[in-house]
Amino acid sequence: MEPGDVARKALACVRIFNGAVGLLAPARMAASLGSAPGEDRRFGYPARMFGIRTLVLGADLLLLKADDPGARRILRQAVLIHATDTAAAAYAGARGELPGKAAKLTVAISAVNTVLAVVSLATAKPRG
């Protein structure tokens, strides 16, 4: 298996896991971001929206074939999404919108996802 395929599938699995947590266990996601369980129930709605988006994107990556016509577009979107997630997590941490530990963890996860997306795109076969 090619390094880009390994990176793409690893990213897909991370997305599917995080999406499932957001969709099915938003209180757990809130707790991992530093909120007390039950502290703010409004988090459930955006967590579920994030969750389904992330699950669908993960499934796209997992099912993607190198010769799919839209493969490079999907991989470019993955880079954009994860780079933006990384920047947003860093910004939220710097502004105190996330507790320090949660901000560091979120930035680290998002940065790893960005690297996986970049490796997947960089090693993708150019469309013929």
Protein backbone atom coordinates (compact mmCIF):
# COMPACT_ATOMS: atom_id res chain seq x y z
CA MET A 1 0.00 0.00 0.00
CA GLU A 2 1.32 3.47 -0.94
CA PRO A 3 2.16 6.00 1.83
CA GLY A 4 -0.55 8.35 0.52
CA ASP A 5 -3.14 5.59 0.77
CA VAL A 6 -2.07 4.82 4.33
CA ALA A 7 -2.28 8.52 5.25
CA ARG A 8 -5.68 8.88 3.55
CA LYS A 9 -7.12 5.83 5.31
CA ALA A 10 -5.70 6.92 8.67
CA LEU A 11 -7.28 10.34 8.21
CA ALA A 12 -10.57 8.69 7.22
CA CYS A 13 -10.55 6.61 10.42
CA VAL A 14 -9.82 9.67 12.58
CA ARG A 15 -12.68 11.53 10.89
CA ILE A 16 -15.10 8.63 11.30
CA PHE A 17 -14.22 8.23 14.98
CA ASN A 18 -14.47 11.96 15.76
CA GLY A 19 -17.63 12.28 13.70
CA ALA A 20 -19.27 9.41 15.55
CA VAL A 21 -18.36 10.95 18.92
CA GLY A 22 -19.78 14.33 17.86
CA LEU A 23 -22.94 12.80 16.47
CA LEU A 24 -23.64 10.17 19.12
CA ALA A 25 -21.91 11.49 22.25
CA PRO A 26 -21.78 15.30 22.14
CA ALA A 27 -21.49 15.51 25.95
CA ARG A 28 -18.32 13.41 25.76
CA MET A 29 -16.94 15.73 23.10
CA ALA A 30 -17.80 18.76 25.24
CA ALA A 31 -16.04 17.19 28.22
CA SER A 32 -12.91 16.60 26.14
CA LEU A 33 -12.95 20.31 25.29
CA GLY A 34 -13.10 21.28 28.95
CA SER A 35 -16.84 21.71 29.56
CA ALA A 36 -18.48 20.12 32.54
CA PRO A 37 -21.03 17.49 31.47
CA GLY A 38 -24.45 19.07 31.32
CA GLU A 39 -22.98 22.56 31.77
CA ASP A 40 -24.19 23.84 28.41
CA ARG A 41 -26.62 21.66 26.50
CA ARG A 42 -26.49 23.99 23.49
CA PHE A 43 -23.24 22.29 22.45
CA GLY A 44 -25.17 19.17 21.33
CA TYR A 45 -26.59 20.74 18.19
CA PRO A 46 -23.31 22.01 16.63
CA ALA A 47 -21.50 18.85 17.79
CA ARG A 48 -24.01 16.72 15.91
CA MET A 49 -23.70 18.94 12.81
CA PHE A 50 -19.92 18.64 13.05
CA GLY A 51 -20.31 14.91 13.61
CA ILE A 52 -22.34 14.12 10.52
CA ARG A 53 -20.14 16.35 8.34
CA THR A 54 -17.06 14.61 9.64
CA LEU A 55 -18.54 11.13 9.21
CA VAL A 56 -19.49 11.83 5.58
CA LEU A 57 -16.05 13.30 4.82
CA GLY A 58 -14.39 10.30 6.46
CA ALA A 59 -16.46 7.85 4.43
CA ASP A 60 -15.56 9.77 1.25
CA LEU A 61 -11.87 9.40 2.04
CA LEU A 62 -12.17 5.76 3.02
CA LEU A 63 -14.01 4.82 -0.18
CA LEU A 64 -11.89 7.03 -2.45
CA LYS A 65 -9.98 5.28 -5.22
CA ALA A 66 -6.81 6.78 -6.69
CA ASP A 67 -8.34 6.86 -10.17
CA ASP A 68 -11.60 8.55 -9.10
CA PRO A 69 -12.08 11.73 -11.15
CA GLY A 70 -12.73 13.82 -8.03
CA ALA A 71 -9.90 12.34 -5.92
CA ARG A 72 -7.58 15.37 -6.02
CA ARG A 73 -10.49 17.77 -5.33
CA ILE A 74 -11.50 15.75 -2.26
CA LEU A 75 -7.90 15.66 -1.04
CA ARG A 76 -7.48 19.42 -1.59
CA GLN A 77 -10.63 19.96 0.46
CA ALA A 78 -9.19 17.76 3.21
CA VAL A 79 -6.08 19.95 3.38
CA LEU A 80 -8.21 23.11 3.55
CA ILE A 81 -10.55 21.69 6.19
CA HIS A 82 -7.81 20.43 8.48
CA ALA A 83 -5.54 23.44 8.10
CA THR A 84 -8.52 25.64 8.99
CA ASP A 85 -9.35 23.38 11.95
CA THR A 86 -5.76 23.72 13.17
CA ALA A 87 -5.79 27.51 12.86
CA ALA A 88 -9.21 27.75 14.54
CA ALA A 89 -8.08 25.59 17.46
CA ALA A 90 -4.92 27.68 17.90
CA TYR A 91 -6.96 30.89 17.75
CA ALA A 92 -9.50 29.56 20.27
CA GLY A 93 -6.68 28.56 22.60
CA ALA A 94 -4.97 31.94 22.28
CA ARG A 95 -8.23 33.76 23.05
CA GLY A 96 -9.02 31.54 26.03
CA GLU A 97 -12.08 30.08 24.35
CA LEU A 98 -10.67 26.62 25.08
CA PRO A 99 -8.81 25.62 28.23
CA GLY A 100 -5.05 25.28 27.65
CA LYS A 101 -4.95 21.48 27.76
CA ALA A 102 -7.94 21.12 25.41
CA ALA A 103 -6.49 23.71 23.03
CA LYS A 104 -3.14 21.91 22.87
CA LEU A 105 -4.80 18.56 22.26
CA THR A 106 -7.12 19.99 19.60
CA VAL A 107 -4.28 21.77 17.81
CA ALA A 108 -2.16 18.60 17.90
CA ILE A 109 -4.94 16.39 16.51
CA SER A 110 -5.83 18.92 13.83
CA ALA A 111 -2.16 19.37 12.87
CA VAL A 112 -1.68 15.61 12.51
CA ASN A 113 -4.83 15.49 10.37
CA THR A 114 -3.43 18.33 8.24
CA VAL A 115 -0.17 16.44 7.72
CA LEU A 116 -2.09 13.28 6.76
CA ALA A 117 -4.16 15.30 4.28
CA VAL A 118 -1.07 16.95 2.78
CA VAL A 119 0.71 13.59 2.40
CA SER A 120 -2.40 12.11 0.78
CA LEU A 121 -2.62 15.00 -1.70
CA ALA A 122 1.11 15.17 -2.41
CA THR A 123 1.26 11.50 -3.28
CA ALA A 124 -2.00 11.37 -5.24
CA LYS A 125 -1.66 10.47 -8.87
CA PRO A 126 -2.23 13.41 -11.20
CA ARG A 127 -5.39 13.11 -13.21
CA GLY A 128 -4.58 11.89 -16.71
